[in-house]
Amino acid sequence: MTIDVGTGDGRAVLAVAAHDPRTLAIGLDANAAAMAESSRRAAGPARKGGLPNAAFIVAAAEAPPAALGGVADVVTVQFPWGSLLRGCVGRAPIVAAGLAGLVAPGGAVELLLAPSARDGLAGIPLESDAIAGLVRATFAPHGFELACARPATAAEIARSGSTWARRLRRSAQLLRLAHR
């Protein structure tokens, strides 16, 4: 199972569900309106492109549904901003705890981060090494170790399905945390 937190328009969830019909792909976002169209598409009949293995849940990252606790093989966060970005880099510990609580033993958290000074998030570093250090420190108390921290490839950014990523004119960093 994959849970995409802060899924926005839900395109990443639809892409995962379409790519592997055996994987349950769940989109989680506090904004129901953003996910509405993808949710309607997924709920439609299979003959018209419906995806029975895709679901959307309205919830904040810091308070995910208890039923999702410890069930995800992979939790993704792609191009977060605001409180979700702050949570990924340790500025909102309750968000990191919510993300970590979704992951099954042996699972992973994958982050695609692209913070910028234009985001107006004082105290969020822009340098790759500093971001990786904060992510490592943020998730270590939850039983995660940083397995990968590197620039994301163009293919990885495109595979995210994010319409937001298309607007970015900056590089992104891929960070993968493995649950111990």
C-alpha atoms as a PDB file:
ATOM      1  CA  MET A   1       0.000   0.000   0.000  1.00  0.00           C
ATOM      2  CA  THR A   2       1.135   3.520  -0.833  1.00  0.00           C
ATOM      3  CA  ILE A   3      -0.120   6.647   0.897  1.00  0.00           C
ATOM      4  CA  ASP A   4       0.550  10.012  -0.748  1.00  0.00           C
ATOM      5  CA  VAL A   5       0.284  12.682   1.951  1.00  0.00           C
ATOM      6  CA  GLY A   6      -0.572  16.200   0.823  1.00  0.00           C
ATOM      7  CA  THR A   7      -1.741  14.657  -2.439  1.00  0.00           C
ATOM      8  CA  GLY A   8      -3.297  17.858  -3.761  1.00  0.00           C
ATOM      9  CA  ASP A   9      -5.030  17.058  -7.033  1.00  0.00           C
ATOM     10  CA  GLY A  10      -4.398  13.322  -6.557  1.00  0.00           C
ATOM     11  CA  ARG A  11      -2.706  12.703  -9.888  1.00  0.00           C
ATOM     12  CA  ALA A  12       0.171  10.875  -8.203  1.00  0.00           C
ATOM     13  CA  VAL A  13      -2.300   8.445  -6.626  1.00  0.00           C
ATOM     14  CA  LEU A  14      -4.024   7.784  -9.940  1.00  0.00           C
ATOM     15  CA  ALA A  15      -0.657   7.171 -11.606  1.00  0.00           C
ATOM     16  CA  VAL A  16       0.414   4.632  -8.961  1.00  0.00           C
ATOM     17  CA  ALA A  17      -2.958   2.864  -9.073  1.00  0.00           C
ATOM     18  CA  ALA A  18      -2.941   2.681 -12.873  1.00  0.00           C
ATOM     19  CA  HIS A  19       0.659   1.459 -12.995  1.00  0.00           C
ATOM     20  CA  ASP A  20       0.106  -1.432 -10.548  1.00  0.00           C
ATOM     21  CA  PRO A  21      -3.475  -2.661 -10.078  1.00  0.00           C
ATOM     22  CA  ARG A  22      -2.288  -4.843  -7.152  1.00  0.00           C
ATOM     23  CA  THR A  23      -1.247  -1.792  -5.119  1.00  0.00           C
ATOM     24  CA  LEU A  24      -3.765   0.122  -3.053  1.00  0.00           C
ATOM     25  CA  ALA A  25      -2.916   3.815  -3.529  1.00  0.00           C
ATOM     26  CA  ILE A  26      -4.378   6.275  -1.049  1.00  0.00           C
ATOM     27  CA  GLY A  27      -4.276  10.052  -1.298  1.00  0.00           C
ATOM     28  CA  LEU A  28      -4.485  12.002   1.940  1.00  0.00           C
ATOM     29  CA  ASP A  29      -5.053  15.752   1.995  1.00  0.00           C
ATOM     30  CA  ALA A  30      -6.751  18.247   4.284  1.00  0.00           C
ATOM     31  CA  ASN A  31      -8.359  19.933   1.258  1.00  0.00           C
ATOM     32  CA  ALA A  32     -11.238  17.844  -0.110  1.00  0.00           C
ATOM     33  CA  ALA A  33     -11.843  20.155  -3.065  1.00  0.00           C
ATOM     34  CA  ALA A  34      -8.325  19.598  -4.425  1.00  0.00           C
ATOM     35  CA  MET A  35      -8.853  15.820  -4.626  1.00  0.00           C
ATOM     36  CA  ALA A  36     -12.460  15.870  -5.820  1.00  0.00           C
ATOM     37  CA  GLU A  37     -11.878  15.288  -9.529  1.00  0.00           C
ATOM     38  CA  SER A  38      -9.362  12.469  -9.027  1.00  0.00           C
ATOM     39  CA  SER A  39     -11.656  10.859  -6.488  1.00  0.00           C
ATOM     40  CA  ARG A  40     -14.554  10.940  -8.981  1.00  0.00           C
ATOM     41  CA  ARG A  41     -12.338   9.433 -11.691  1.00  0.00           C
ATOM     42  CA  ALA A  42     -11.145   6.637  -9.426  1.00  0.00           C
ATOM     43  CA  ALA A  43     -14.694   5.830  -8.278  1.00  0.00           C
ATOM     44  CA  GLY A  44     -15.996   5.469 -11.828  1.00  0.00           C
ATOM     45  CA  PRO A  45     -16.532   2.163 -13.600  1.00  0.00           C
ATOM     46  CA  ALA A  46     -13.372   0.338 -14.669  1.00  0.00           C
ATOM     47  CA  ARG A  47     -14.472   0.378 -18.315  1.00  0.00           C
ATOM     48  CA  LYS A  48     -14.362   4.187 -18.164  1.00  0.00           C
ATOM     49  CA  GLY A  49     -10.989   4.444 -16.434  1.00  0.00           C
ATOM     50  CA  GLY A  50     -12.093   3.909 -12.840  1.00  0.00           C
ATOM     51  CA  LEU A  51      -9.470   2.624 -10.468  1.00  0.00           C
ATOM     52  CA  PRO A  52     -10.846   0.450  -7.664  1.00  0.00           C
ATOM     53  CA  ASN A  53      -7.386   0.403  -6.062  1.00  0.00           C
ATOM     54  CA  ALA A  54      -7.297   4.201  -5.575  1.00  0.00           C
ATOM     55  CA  ALA A  55      -8.904   6.006  -2.657  1.00  0.00           C
ATOM     56  CA  PHE A  56      -8.882   9.532  -1.265  1.00  0.00           C
ATOM     57  CA  ILE A  57      -9.242  10.534   2.371  1.00  0.00           C
ATOM     58  CA  VAL A  58      -9.702  14.011   3.772  1.00  0.00           C
ATOM     59  CA  ALA A  59      -7.356  14.353   6.746  1.00  0.00           C
ATOM     60  CA  ALA A  60      -4.423  16.446   7.869  1.00  0.00           C
ATOM     61  CA  ALA A  61      -0.938  14.952   7.977  1.00  0.00           C
ATOM     62  CA  GLU A  62      -0.726  15.596  11.703  1.00  0.00           C
ATOM     63  CA  ALA A  63      -3.959  13.680  12.363  1.00  0.00           C
ATOM     64  CA  PRO A  64      -4.249  10.793   9.893  1.00  0.00           C
ATOM     65  CA  PRO A  65      -7.035   8.260  10.451  1.00  0.00           C
ATOM     66  CA  ALA A  66      -6.115   5.667  13.081  1.00  0.00           C
ATOM     67  CA  ALA A  67      -7.153   2.892  10.669  1.00  0.00           C
ATOM     68  CA  LEU A  68      -4.154   3.801   8.475  1.00  0.00           C
ATOM     69  CA  GLY A  69      -1.658   3.498  11.319  1.00  0.00           C
ATOM     70  CA  GLY A  70       1.283   1.285  10.399  1.00  0.00           C
ATOM     71  CA  VAL A  71      -0.168  -0.047   7.138  1.00  0.00           C
ATOM     72  CA  ALA A  72       1.754   1.693   4.335  1.00  0.00           C
ATOM     73  CA  ASP A  73       4.697   0.122   2.570  1.00  0.00           C
ATOM     74  CA  VAL A  74       5.567   3.583   1.263  1.00  0.00           C
ATOM     75  CA  VAL A  75       4.439   7.036   2.354  1.00  0.00           C
ATOM     76  CA  THR A  76       5.214   9.754  -0.169  1.00  0.00           C
ATOM     77  CA  VAL A  77       5.256  13.512   0.247  1.00  0.00           C
ATOM     78  CA  GLN A  78       5.831  15.324  -3.018  1.00  0.00           C
ATOM     79  CA  PHE A  79       6.677  19.020  -3.228  1.00  0.00           C
ATOM     80  CA  PRO A  80       5.128  20.023   0.095  1.00  0.00           C
ATOM     81  CA  TRP A  81       4.794  23.595   1.229  1.00  0.00           C
ATOM     82  CA  GLY A  82       3.549  25.286   4.389  1.00  0.00           C
ATOM     83  CA  SER A  83       3.044  23.104   7.451  1.00  0.00           C
ATOM     84  CA  LEU A  84       3.723  19.867   5.571  1.00  0.00           C
ATOM     85  CA  LEU A  85       7.155  21.117   4.453  1.00  0.00           C
ATOM     86  CA  ARG A  86       7.870  22.396   7.961  1.00  0.00           C
ATOM     87  CA  GLY A  87       6.932  18.966   9.320  1.00  0.00           C
ATOM     88  CA  CYS A  88       9.275  17.150   6.950  1.00  0.00           C
ATOM     89  CA  VAL A  89      12.240  19.218   8.156  1.00  0.00           C
ATOM     90  CA  GLY A  90      11.484  19.180  11.871  1.00  0.00           C
ATOM     91  CA  ARG A  91       9.759  22.527  12.315  1.00  0.00           C
ATOM     92  CA  ALA A  92       6.383  20.884  13.075  1.00  0.00           C
ATOM     93  CA  PRO A  93       7.091  17.613  14.963  1.00  0.00           C
ATOM     94  CA  ILE A  94       3.424  16.579  15.067  1.00  0.00           C
ATOM     95  CA  VAL A  95       3.417  16.372  11.255  1.00  0.00           C
ATOM     96  CA  ALA A  96       6.503  14.123  11.177  1.00  0.00           C
ATOM     97  CA  ALA A  97       4.902  11.910  13.829  1.00  0.00           C
ATOM     98  CA  GLY A  98       1.746  11.633  11.708  1.00  0.00           C
ATOM     99  CA  LEU A  99       3.757  10.650   8.633  1.00  0.00           C
ATOM    100  CA  ALA A 100       5.890   8.143  10.541  1.00  0.00           C
ATOM    101  CA  GLY A 101       2.821   6.571  12.113  1.00  0.00           C
ATOM    102  CA  LEU A 102       1.457   5.561   8.717  1.00  0.00           C
ATOM    103  CA  VAL A 103       4.467   3.398   7.808  1.00  0.00           C
ATOM    104  CA  ALA A 104       4.483  -0.373   8.303  1.00  0.00           C
ATOM    105  CA  PRO A 105       7.574  -2.026   9.807  1.00  0.00           C
ATOM    106  CA  GLY A 106      10.163  -2.281   7.049  1.00  0.00           C
ATOM    107  CA  GLY A 107       8.410   0.426   5.037  1.00  0.00           C
ATOM    108  CA  ALA A 108       9.701   3.775   3.870  1.00  0.00           C
ATOM    109  CA  VAL A 109       9.001   7.473   3.630  1.00  0.00           C
ATOM    110  CA  GLU A 110       9.927   9.138   0.328  1.00  0.00           C
ATOM    111  CA  LEU A 111      10.158  12.901   0.123  1.00  0.00           C
ATOM    112  CA  LEU A 112      10.532  15.093  -2.957  1.00  0.00           C
ATOM    113  CA  LEU A 113      11.513  18.478  -1.575  1.00  0.00           C
ATOM    114  CA  ALA A 114      12.205  21.722  -3.399  1.00  0.00           C
ATOM    115  CA  PRO A 115      12.171  24.551  -0.850  1.00  0.00           C
ATOM    116  CA  SER A 116      12.858  28.055  -2.083  1.00  0.00           C
ATOM    117  CA  ALA A 117      13.370  31.457  -0.492  1.00  0.00           C
ATOM    118  CA  ARG A 118      10.189  32.496  -2.341  1.00  0.00           C
ATOM    119  CA  ASP A 119       8.214  30.075  -0.161  1.00  0.00           C
ATOM    120  CA  GLY A 120       8.630  32.541   2.713  1.00  0.00           C
ATOM    121  CA  LEU A 121       9.311  29.819   5.275  1.00  0.00           C
ATOM    122  CA  ALA A 122      11.890  31.383   7.533  1.00  0.00           C
ATOM    123  CA  GLY A 123      14.313  28.877   9.008  1.00  0.00           C
ATOM    124  CA  ILE A 124      13.932  26.268   6.258  1.00  0.00           C
ATOM    125  CA  PRO A 125      17.341  25.690   4.697  1.00  0.00           C
ATOM    126  CA  LEU A 126      17.784  25.638   0.946  1.00  0.00           C
ATOM    127  CA  GLU A 127      21.055  23.685   0.749  1.00  0.00           C
ATOM    128  CA  SER A 128      20.770  19.946   0.050  1.00  0.00           C
ATOM    129  CA  ASP A 129      23.081  18.841   2.863  1.00  0.00           C
ATOM    130  CA  ALA A 130      21.258  20.971   5.429  1.00  0.00           C
ATOM    131  CA  ILE A 131      17.874  19.648   4.289  1.00  0.00           C
ATOM    132  CA  ALA A 132      19.117  16.042   4.488  1.00  0.00           C
ATOM    133  CA  GLY A 133      20.456  16.646   8.000  1.00  0.00           C
ATOM    134  CA  LEU A 134      17.167  18.061   9.186  1.00  0.00           C
ATOM    135  CA  VAL A 135      15.164  15.232   7.605  1.00  0.00           C
ATOM    136  CA  ARG A 136      17.464  12.657   9.222  1.00  0.00           C
ATOM    137  CA  ALA A 137      17.101  14.297  12.648  1.00  0.00           C
ATOM    138  CA  THR A 138      13.333  14.709  12.238  1.00  0.00           C
ATOM    139  CA  PHE A 139      12.582  11.062  11.509  1.00  0.00           C
ATOM    140  CA  ALA A 140      15.274   9.298  13.595  1.00  0.00           C
ATOM    141  CA  PRO A 141      13.192   9.446  16.820  1.00  0.00           C
ATOM    142  CA  HIS A 142      10.417   7.609  14.948  1.00  0.00           C
ATOM    143  CA  GLY A 143      12.682   4.696  14.004  1.00  0.00           C
ATOM    144  CA  PHE A 144      13.804   5.823  10.539  1.00  0.00           C
ATOM    145  CA  GLU A 145      17.231   6.133   9.024  1.00  0.00           C
ATOM    146  CA  LEU A 146      18.124   8.172   5.978  1.00  0.00           C
ATOM    147  CA  ALA A 147      18.799   5.669   3.187  1.00  0.00           C
ATOM    148  CA  CYS A 148      19.098   8.115   0.288  1.00  0.00           C
ATOM    149  CA  ALA A 149      19.517  11.855  -0.183  1.00  0.00           C
ATOM    150  CA  ARG A 150      20.312  13.099  -3.672  1.00  0.00           C
ATOM    151  CA  PRO A 151      19.076  15.382  -6.413  1.00  0.00           C
ATOM    152  CA  ALA A 152      15.910  14.032  -8.009  1.00  0.00           C
ATOM    153  CA  THR A 153      16.154  13.153 -11.662  1.00  0.00           C
ATOM    154  CA  ALA A 154      13.901  14.727 -14.257  1.00  0.00           C
ATOM    155  CA  ALA A 155      12.214  11.330 -14.672  1.00  0.00           C
ATOM    156  CA  GLU A 156      11.493  11.087 -10.928  1.00  0.00           C
ATOM    157  CA  ILE A 157      10.016  14.566 -10.907  1.00  0.00           C
ATOM    158  CA  ALA A 158       7.874  13.752 -13.943  1.00  0.00           C
ATOM    159  CA  ARG A 159       6.795  10.423 -12.420  1.00  0.00           C
ATOM    160  CA  SER A 160       5.456  12.312  -9.401  1.00  0.00           C
ATOM    161  CA  GLY A 161       2.561  13.385 -11.607  1.00  0.00           C
ATOM    162  CA  SER A 162       2.594  16.712  -9.825  1.00  0.00           C
ATOM    163  CA  THR A 163       1.193  19.673 -11.687  1.00  0.00           C
ATOM    164  CA  TRP A 164       3.042  21.793  -9.131  1.00  0.00           C
ATOM    165  CA  ALA A 165       6.357  20.245 -10.203  1.00  0.00           C
ATOM    166  CA  ARG A 166       5.823  21.492 -13.740  1.00  0.00           C
ATOM    167  CA  ARG A 167       5.742  25.038 -12.411  1.00  0.00           C
ATOM    168  CA  LEU A 168       8.951  24.660 -10.440  1.00  0.00           C
ATOM    169  CA  ARG A 169      11.980  26.208 -12.027  1.00  0.00           C
ATOM    170  CA  ARG A 170      14.360  24.737  -9.494  1.00  0.00           C
ATOM    171  CA  SER A 171      15.918  21.435  -8.620  1.00  0.00           C
ATOM    172  CA  ALA A 172      14.339  19.000  -6.222  1.00  0.00           C
ATOM    173  CA  GLN A 173      15.845  16.637  -3.714  1.00  0.00           C
ATOM    174  CA  LEU A 174      14.807  13.011  -3.260  1.00  0.00           C
ATOM    175  CA  LEU A 175      15.098  11.676   0.272  1.00  0.00           C
ATOM    176  CA  ARG A 176      14.212   8.113   1.242  1.00  0.00           C
ATOM    177  CA  LEU A 177      13.913   7.062   4.857  1.00  0.00           C
ATOM    178  CA  ALA A 178      13.791   3.384   5.796  1.00  0.00           C
ATOM    179  CA  HIS A 179      11.879   2.175   8.844  1.00  0.00           C
ATOM    180  CA  ARG A 180      14.144   0.151  11.105  1.00  0.00           C
END
